[in-house]
Amino acid sequence: MVSASEDTVEGEEKRQVEWGVYEMLTRRYSWEDRLDQAIHDFGANPEFVLFFRDLNRTRTFPTERVQNAHARGMTPVISLEISWWGRGGDTGYLEEVANGEFDDFFQQWAKDAKDCDLPVILRFGFEMNGDWFPWGEQPKTFIRAWRRCYNIFKEVGCESVQWMFSPNILWDKRTEKKDFYNYYPGAAYVDLIGLDGYNFGDHHDKWHEWQSYEEVFERTIKASMKFNKPVYISEIGCADDKRKPAWIKDFLEKVSKDERIEGFIYFNHFNPRKGEPNWRVDSDPETLRIFREWVKNNEVSSK
């Protein structure tokens, strides 16, 4: 939706940008309470909430979570890891999925999603073009697995799930063709494109340094136009740093004007045990203020 706003230059229209946040599922805390806390922190309802699941056969489609998210005006974005948490560490099951050994798992998910009948976005095997997940860097097998599972949902008659092809951003000297075009399951099997990328800052590891929003995403956004599908930033975050408020401000201003991007999901999380940077927007008061102000103005632009 696009409408004029009082603070918009005359003759220039301001668009609304869809946005969301990551909220981890955990047994230790009430997920629903944390959704309510996120709404309070940001001053508005995010359109999306992202969380992760795995191939554990005892975990069925998260119907209750989907319903609770929608009750708060959020569309769930389920990031499905092609692994089984706690089983052999980094053991992945991409080949097994492609060969049909998990057909019963996906058939049950498809039936439950159909019965739930609420919109869901499924990020199957996200960041498949990286080497840090066990399902990564296997393009032919990935395409076979994706198509097999996609077809199961269609055969069951589940139309409420949109499939998001979600590669990691291009970050080394490989070409787009070698990096993520060859993982693409095909236009008939994909509804949305989601790009994952972060500004890790100068102190995370030897492979990363402080980068602007454009340095992180621009090359990949351009390459994603070839798909001719709606493009989202499905994971984005900025490391804690004195430059973080300015980085967030710059990102929000630019994504608001970029007609190529439908929206974004901010990875609002900090897990020091994993050695990850503090991505949270409330890591300092100024970053939170900037984000809340953007959310307020983004809401106004939609009315």
Protein backbone atom coordinates (compact mmCIF):
# COMPACT_ATOMS: atom_id res chain seq x y z
CA MET A 1 0.00 0.00 0.00
CA VAL A 2 1.30 3.46 -0.87
CA SER A 3 -0.04 6.76 0.44
CA ALA A 4 1.13 10.30 0.92
CA SER A 5 2.50 11.48 4.27
CA GLU A 6 2.87 14.98 5.73
CA ASP A 7 6.65 14.59 5.98
CA THR A 8 7.00 13.43 2.38
CA VAL A 9 8.37 15.70 -0.31
CA GLU A 10 5.55 17.07 -2.47
CA GLY A 11 4.83 14.76 -5.39
CA GLU A 12 6.74 11.88 -3.78
CA GLU A 13 4.85 8.95 -2.30
CA LYS A 14 5.97 7.01 0.72
CA ARG A 15 5.47 3.25 0.69
CA GLN A 16 4.86 0.90 3.56
CA VAL A 17 7.52 -1.76 4.09
CA GLU A 18 6.53 -5.14 5.53
CA TRP A 19 8.73 -6.09 8.46
CA GLY A 20 9.15 -8.77 11.06
CA VAL A 21 11.34 -10.14 13.83
CA TYR A 22 12.91 -13.41 14.88
CA GLU A 23 11.58 -14.91 18.12
CA MET A 24 13.18 -18.16 19.23
CA LEU A 25 11.00 -21.07 20.28
CA THR A 26 12.13 -22.42 23.63
CA ARG A 27 10.66 -24.42 26.48
CA ARG A 28 12.06 -22.15 29.14
CA TYR A 29 9.92 -19.11 28.36
CA SER A 30 6.46 -18.45 26.99
CA TRP A 31 6.82 -17.75 23.29
CA GLU A 32 3.53 -15.90 23.25
CA ASP A 33 4.64 -13.62 26.09
CA ARG A 34 7.77 -12.79 24.13
CA LEU A 35 5.69 -11.97 21.07
CA ASP A 36 3.71 -9.54 23.22
CA GLN A 37 6.97 -8.13 24.58
CA ALA A 38 8.25 -7.60 21.03
CA ILE A 39 5.08 -5.72 20.13
CA HIS A 40 5.61 -3.55 23.22
CA ASP A 41 9.31 -2.99 22.49
CA PHE A 42 8.78 -1.99 18.87
CA GLY A 43 5.60 -0.05 19.49
CA ALA A 44 3.65 -1.93 16.80
CA ASN A 45 2.80 -5.36 15.49
CA PRO A 46 5.42 -6.85 13.17
CA GLU A 47 3.86 -8.41 10.07
CA PHE A 48 6.11 -11.47 10.35
CA VAL A 49 7.62 -13.62 13.07
CA LEU A 50 10.42 -16.03 12.17
CA PHE A 51 11.34 -19.19 14.06
CA PHE A 52 13.17 -22.46 13.39
CA ARG A 53 12.13 -26.11 13.28
CA ASP A 54 13.88 -29.36 12.38
CA LEU A 55 13.03 -32.83 11.06
CA ASN A 56 12.39 -34.38 14.48
CA ARG A 57 9.52 -36.76 13.76
CA THR A 58 8.02 -36.16 17.20
CA ARG A 59 7.52 -32.47 16.39
CA THR A 60 4.47 -31.96 14.21
CA PHE A 61 3.51 -28.86 12.28
CA PRO A 62 3.41 -26.02 14.87
CA THR A 63 -0.32 -25.33 14.57
CA GLU A 64 -0.66 -23.66 17.96
CA ARG A 65 2.28 -21.33 17.27
CA VAL A 66 0.84 -20.42 13.89
CA GLN A 67 -2.54 -19.64 15.43
CA ASN A 68 -1.00 -17.57 18.22
CA ALA A 69 1.09 -15.58 15.75
CA HIS A 70 -1.91 -14.84 13.56
CA ALA A 71 -3.92 -13.81 16.61
CA ARG A 72 -1.34 -11.04 16.99
CA GLY A 73 -1.41 -10.07 13.34
CA MET A 74 1.83 -11.86 12.40
CA THR A 75 2.47 -14.29 9.57
CA PRO A 76 4.82 -17.09 10.72
CA VAL A 77 8.01 -17.65 8.74
CA ILE A 78 9.16 -21.18 9.53
CA SER A 79 12.83 -21.83 8.84
CA LEU A 80 13.05 -25.59 8.40
CA GLU A 81 16.48 -27.04 9.06
CA ILE A 82 17.17 -30.21 7.08
CA SER A 83 18.63 -31.84 10.15
CA TRP A 84 17.49 -33.45 13.40
CA TRP A 85 18.59 -31.43 16.41
CA GLY A 86 20.63 -33.46 18.87
CA ARG A 87 21.21 -36.36 16.50
CA GLY A 88 24.87 -36.73 15.71
CA GLY A 89 25.79 -33.07 15.84
CA ASP A 90 26.04 -31.78 12.30
CA THR A 91 24.35 -34.75 10.66
CA GLY A 92 22.04 -33.62 7.88
CA TYR A 93 19.30 -35.49 6.04
CA LEU A 94 19.18 -33.82 2.64
CA GLU A 95 19.86 -37.03 0.71
CA GLU A 96 17.29 -38.91 2.79
CA VAL A 97 14.67 -36.22 2.15
CA ALA A 98 15.42 -36.25 -1.58
CA ASN A 99 15.08 -40.06 -1.64
CA GLY A 100 11.70 -40.05 0.10
CA GLU A 101 12.69 -41.29 3.55
CA PHE A 102 10.94 -38.29 5.15
CA ASP A 103 7.81 -38.35 2.96
CA ASP A 104 5.63 -39.27 5.93
CA PHE A 105 6.99 -36.30 7.89
CA PHE A 106 6.17 -33.83 5.11
CA GLN A 107 2.81 -35.43 4.36
CA GLN A 108 1.78 -34.92 7.98
CA TRP A 109 3.05 -31.33 7.96
CA ALA A 110 1.11 -30.66 4.77
CA LYS A 111 -2.09 -32.17 6.21
CA ASP A 112 -1.75 -30.21 9.45
CA ALA A 113 -1.00 -26.98 7.60
CA LYS A 114 -4.02 -27.54 5.38
CA ASP A 115 -6.25 -28.14 8.43
CA CYS A 116 -4.83 -25.05 10.13
CA ASP A 117 -5.61 -23.03 6.98
CA LEU A 118 -3.64 -19.93 7.95
CA PRO A 119 -0.92 -18.30 5.82
CA VAL A 120 2.59 -19.57 6.53
CA ILE A 121 5.90 -18.95 4.80
CA LEU A 122 8.24 -21.97 4.72
CA ARG A 123 12.00 -21.45 4.33
CA PHE A 124 13.09 -24.95 3.39
CA GLY A 125 16.83 -25.52 3.86
CA PHE A 126 17.76 -21.85 4.10
CA GLU A 127 21.35 -20.72 3.34
CA MET A 128 21.86 -23.83 1.25
CA ASN A 129 24.64 -22.09 -0.66
CA GLY A 130 26.89 -21.91 2.40
CA ASP A 131 29.17 -24.52 3.95
CA TRP A 132 28.10 -24.02 7.58
CA PHE A 133 24.97 -26.23 7.51
CA PRO A 134 25.02 -29.97 6.76
CA TRP A 135 22.54 -29.52 3.89
CA GLY A 136 24.75 -26.88 2.27
CA GLU A 137 26.70 -26.95 -1.00
CA GLN A 138 24.71 -29.83 -2.55
CA PRO A 139 22.77 -28.10 -5.34
CA LYS A 140 21.46 -31.11 -7.26
CA THR A 141 20.34 -32.94 -4.13
CA PHE A 142 18.84 -29.75 -2.71
CA ILE A 143 16.69 -29.23 -5.80
CA ARG A 144 15.49 -32.86 -5.71
CA ALA A 145 14.60 -32.57 -2.02
CA TRP A 146 12.84 -29.22 -2.45
CA ARG A 147 10.73 -30.37 -5.40
CA ARG A 148 9.79 -33.61 -3.70
CA CYS A 149 8.54 -31.84 -0.57
CA TYR A 150 6.85 -29.06 -2.53
CA ASN A 151 4.95 -31.66 -4.57
CA ILE A 152 3.84 -33.45 -1.41
CA PHE A 153 2.18 -30.25 -0.17
CA LYS A 154 0.46 -29.78 -3.53
CA GLU A 155 -0.73 -33.38 -3.65
CA VAL A 156 -2.23 -33.00 -0.17
CA GLY A 157 -3.99 -29.83 -1.36
CA CYS A 158 -2.27 -27.44 1.03
CA GLU A 159 -2.46 -23.95 -0.49
CA SER A 160 -1.81 -21.87 2.65
CA VAL A 161 1.99 -22.36 2.61
CA GLN A 162 4.23 -20.13 0.51
CA TRP A 163 7.69 -21.48 -0.28
CA MET A 164 10.59 -19.05 0.20
CA PHE A 165 13.91 -19.75 -1.51
CA SER A 166 16.35 -18.27 0.98
CA PRO A 167 20.07 -18.24 0.07
CA ASN A 168 22.77 -16.49 2.00
CA ILE A 169 24.04 -13.26 0.49
CA LEU A 170 26.96 -13.42 -1.93
CA TRP A 171 30.03 -12.72 0.14
CA ASP A 172 33.07 -14.05 -1.68
CA LYS A 173 34.42 -14.11 -5.24
CA ARG A 174 32.11 -16.83 -6.53
CA THR A 175 29.69 -15.79 -9.26
CA GLU A 176 25.92 -15.78 -8.80
CA LYS A 177 25.68 -18.80 -11.09
CA LYS A 178 28.06 -20.83 -8.94
CA ASP A 179 26.74 -19.47 -5.67
CA PHE A 180 22.95 -19.64 -5.77
CA TYR A 181 21.41 -19.77 -9.24
CA ASN A 182 22.26 -23.47 -9.46
CA TYR A 183 20.33 -24.18 -6.23
CA TYR A 184 17.12 -22.62 -7.53
CA PRO A 185 14.33 -25.24 -7.73
CA GLY A 186 12.58 -23.40 -10.57
CA ALA A 187 9.92 -20.71 -10.86
CA ALA A 188 7.08 -23.23 -10.62
CA TYR A 189 8.32 -24.37 -7.21
CA VAL A 190 9.06 -21.03 -5.54
CA ASP A 191 6.76 -18.24 -4.33
CA LEU A 192 9.17 -15.82 -2.65
CA ILE A 193 12.86 -15.01 -2.43
CA GLY A 194 14.46 -14.35 0.97
CA LEU A 195 18.03 -13.13 1.44
CA ASP A 196 20.04 -13.67 4.63
CA GLY A 197 22.85 -11.27 5.45
CA TYR A 198 24.51 -9.56 8.40
CA ASN A 199 26.99 -6.84 9.25
CA PHE A 200 29.20 -8.92 11.57
CA GLY A 201 31.46 -6.00 12.38
CA ASP A 202 35.24 -6.00 12.81
CA HIS A 203 35.67 -8.42 15.70
CA HIS A 204 33.66 -11.56 14.92
CA ASP A 205 36.15 -13.55 12.84
CA LYS A 206 38.84 -13.20 10.18
CA TRP A 207 36.31 -13.44 7.34
CA HIS A 208 34.21 -10.41 8.28
CA GLU A 209 34.65 -6.70 8.73
CA TRP A 210 32.34 -3.74 9.26
CA GLN A 211 30.23 -3.27 6.13
CA SER A 212 27.53 -0.86 5.06
CA TYR A 213 24.05 -2.11 4.22
CA GLU A 214 24.86 -1.79 0.49
CA GLU A 215 28.11 -3.70 0.88
CA VAL A 216 26.26 -6.55 2.55
CA PHE A 217 23.21 -6.77 0.27
CA GLU A 218 23.40 -4.81 -2.99
CA ARG A 219 25.17 -7.39 -5.13
CA THR A 220 22.75 -10.11 -4.06
CA ILE A 221 19.64 -7.97 -4.49
CA LYS A 222 20.68 -7.21 -8.06
CA ALA A 223 21.30 -10.89 -8.76
CA SER A 224 17.91 -11.82 -7.27
CA MET A 225 16.02 -9.70 -9.78
CA LYS A 226 16.59 -12.50 -12.28
CA PHE A 227 14.12 -14.70 -10.41
CA ASN A 228 11.23 -12.29 -11.04
CA LYS A 229 9.71 -13.12 -7.66
CA PRO A 230 8.93 -10.91 -4.63
CA VAL A 231 12.20 -10.37 -2.75
CA TYR A 232 12.51 -10.06 1.02
CA ILE A 233 15.46 -9.72 3.35
CA SER A 234 14.64 -12.77 5.44
CA GLU A 235 17.40 -12.30 8.01
CA ILE A 236 19.30 -9.10 8.74
CA GLY A 237 21.24 -7.84 11.74
CA CYS A 238 23.99 -5.48 12.76
CA ALA A 239 26.65 -6.21 15.37
CA ASP A 240 26.80 -4.12 18.51
CA ASP A 241 29.11 -1.14 17.94
CA LYS A 242 29.11 2.62 18.45
CA ARG A 243 28.28 2.86 14.73
CA LYS A 244 25.22 0.62 15.06
CA PRO A 245 22.58 3.37 15.45
CA ALA A 246 23.77 5.08 12.26
CA TRP A 247 23.91 1.72 10.43
CA ILE A 248 20.33 0.86 11.41
CA LYS A 249 19.13 4.33 10.44
CA ASP A 250 20.82 4.09 7.05
CA PHE A 251 19.44 0.59 6.42
CA LEU A 252 15.88 1.57 7.32
CA GLU A 253 15.97 4.70 5.18
CA LYS A 254 17.30 2.82 2.18
CA VAL A 255 15.04 -0.22 2.40
CA SER A 256 12.07 2.14 2.70
CA LYS A 257 12.90 3.63 -0.71
CA ASP A 258 13.98 0.43 -2.46
CA GLU A 259 11.08 -0.79 -4.59
CA ARG A 260 12.94 -4.05 -5.23
CA ILE A 261 12.48 -5.14 -1.60
CA GLU A 262 9.03 -6.05 -0.24
CA GLY A 263 10.13 -6.21 3.38
CA PHE A 264 12.58 -7.56 5.93
CA ILE A 265 12.86 -9.64 9.10
CA TYR A 266 15.24 -8.34 11.75
CA PHE A 267 17.14 -11.04 13.64
CA ASN A 268 16.48 -9.58 17.07
CA HIS A 269 18.55 -11.99 19.12
CA PHE A 270 21.68 -12.33 21.24
CA ASN A 271 23.22 -15.67 22.12
CA PRO A 272 26.68 -15.12 23.62
CA ARG A 273 27.15 -18.86 24.19
CA LYS A 274 27.38 -19.34 20.41
CA GLY A 275 29.81 -16.48 20.05
CA GLU A 276 27.43 -14.49 17.86
CA PRO A 277 27.31 -10.69 17.91
CA ASN A 278 24.53 -8.93 19.77
CA TRP A 279 22.06 -8.26 16.97
CA ARG A 280 19.29 -6.89 19.18
CA VAL A 281 17.94 -3.43 18.43
CA ASP A 282 17.71 -2.72 22.15
CA SER A 283 21.45 -3.34 22.63
CA ASP A 284 21.65 0.42 23.03
CA PRO A 285 18.92 3.04 23.61
CA GLU A 286 19.63 5.04 20.46
CA THR A 287 19.30 2.08 18.10
CA LEU A 288 15.98 1.16 19.72
CA ARG A 289 14.75 4.75 19.45
CA ILE A 290 15.64 4.90 15.76
CA PHE A 291 13.91 1.60 15.03
CA ARG A 292 10.78 2.55 16.97
CA GLU A 293 10.61 5.89 15.17
CA TRP A 294 10.88 4.14 11.81
CA VAL A 295 8.13 1.69 12.79
CA LYS A 296 5.88 4.59 13.78
CA ASN A 297 6.45 6.41 10.48
CA ASN A 298 6.07 3.18 8.50
CA GLU A 299 2.68 2.61 10.16
CA VAL A 300 1.61 6.17 9.30
CA SER A 301 2.57 5.70 5.66
CA SER A 302 0.14 2.79 5.37
CA LYS A 303 -2.89 4.79 6.43
